[in-house]
């Protein structure tokens, strides 16, 4: 049966679908959902733009506030400075100036000016802004002092009091003071339930309170009111942005993108919305993700979330120097930012600096003893390096500290299934879904396991095959013989025997394969994936007849099993792919990457990749042709090593990677070449190979 995999929940934007109750008889399975958000919400954008054009006859402070709201921060600063110089509405001008300086990332100047203004006369709004500035630079005690002052100075029911309560709740969460955070969230919820909250910003803060307390359905409903121009005459960019982050947390990237774009139509420079789009784009178009992260830094050169995202990208790309540069940039702004410190801990862990890792672990837990997300961040980084067993252990630590942090339960389950523990992993994912029925990864994975219950099982000497009964009858016997042949040849060639049995899962539709890999449909270019002990691939029925060779894919993935385990999962991605491509070409005539007209065209457009650029070319490719060229070149690199140094050099390189050595160190030891000569020799080999 052809399944329709779910990308995101229409219930966020219409009525809740029956997938919130996965066993409902009305449940339509996993399916794509049309985006209805535009029909009801985006109509207000034109009205907002039209309203923003009214400037004549209004005061200079109002003009500054309009410029600030629209994202023209430089112009807003000019207006507020001029108003202060002319002593026009100084209280509003002071608050506006401090806020715009904060939005532009001029935190030192904003703090200095705010302190000077507070010396002239205390006000709740200035204490609120001073608290926000202190919070963003990690001066948490000072932040609490000013936020408490803002809360105390404002009357009950005032919007500024709700703003202070929201900020205090977030600060208490950051510091692990959950009971105090809940007090502030409950204050906002009680006001909302009493019908005392109106206006987009206040409704948005009430929605955040519901979200933080775990009332996700209520949070969604309140956000819909907060972002509806019929309910809130002037929709706040803050409310839209918060709504986007709620959607992102539930893996609803499609609707999140729409909401963040709505936000930018109000405030074209809003850094949180720019980085929100970057986060939503990470799994769709990573180059766009970087573009939006850098756009946020152009607005605010000290925007810590942008540094963090760029650091994560570099870690995934196995570029530790660039990652450390971005982490240090973030910590220069906020030395105690928990996410930045977590990424520094990841960097040290992956570099083999266990002492440095322990120091970071201790520092993070001193700031927030309940910050289980530290271990979750570490686990996710380890997944990008295919270190699934270690990721499982850190997922468990995350859950120990934050038992109701459902994403950690989801990824624990997914990682357990990646190391072959299907029953245990399924139970963890079910627990995640029970705790958060809006998690589309959990929903899709559980639907997939329901499908796999009907799979047939076949065992051979070193493999367990799971596939549909139809595929098992036709493909099963051939797959078993081919896998055992590959196992025999590769273990003798590499002098290494991996842990067995190796589990091979074959999916009758590509959506199922994609969900097994990432939890979401898509992944159109991939045919197979290897987790180290488990392999998943499309069955011949999942693709158009003759469009791919499942045997070649099976051989390719088995090479990954060997190289991942032999290197203790430290092999760079490009080198692992190169060896798989190379071994494919050796196994059968016509298998593996070949130089095609499309690859020649890609070469003419961009040239050959150097050895040092192959990892980024594979992970951050701009087109399918560029990816294919990178795979082809990676295979040639391995061919070059065997031709010039013999296959023992490849075996030796894998043993050195198992010692957690860098690529530069490994190839210097094995080949005797530094990075510059390696690139030069590689370029010469490619040119000779292609001419030949």
Foldseek 3Di string as FASTA:
>chain_A
DDFAAAQAFCCLVPNGDCLLVVPDPPDRGHHYDDDPNCVFFVVCLVVLVVVLVPDPPDALLVVLVSCVQQAVLVSSLVSLVVCVVVVNPVVSSLLSNLVSCVQQQVLVVSLVSLVVVVVVPNALSSLQSNLVSCVLQAVLVSSVVSLVVSLVRDDPLDPSNLSSLLVVLVSCVLQQVNVSSLVSLVSLCVCVVVVSDAALVSLLSNLVSCVVVQVPVVSSVSLVLSSRCVRHVDRGLVSLLSNLVSCVLLSNLVVSLVSLVSSCSRRVQRLSSLQSNLSSCCVPANVSSLVSLVSSCVSHVQRLSSLLVQLLVCLLLVNLVSNVVSLVSNCVRHVLDLSSLLSVLLSCVLLVNVVVNVVSVVSSCNSHVLQLVSLVVSLVSVVSLLLLVSSLVSLVSSCVSVVLPLVSLLSNLLSCVQQPNNVVSLVSLVVSCVSPVRRLLSSSVNSLVVVQVQWDWDDDPQEIETEHPVCCVPPVVVLRVLLVVLQVVVCVLLVDHFDGNAYEYEYLAQQSLVSSVPSGGDPVVDAKDHSQRYIYGYGCNHDDHPPDDVSLVSSLRVLLNVLCVLLVSQDQPLLSLLVSQLVSVVPDPPGHADDDPLLVVVCVVPNADFPVCLSCQCVNPPDPSSNSNSSVLSVLLQVVCCVVPNCVLVSQLSNVSSVSDDPQVSCCVSVVDGRVVSRVVSVVSVVVVVVD
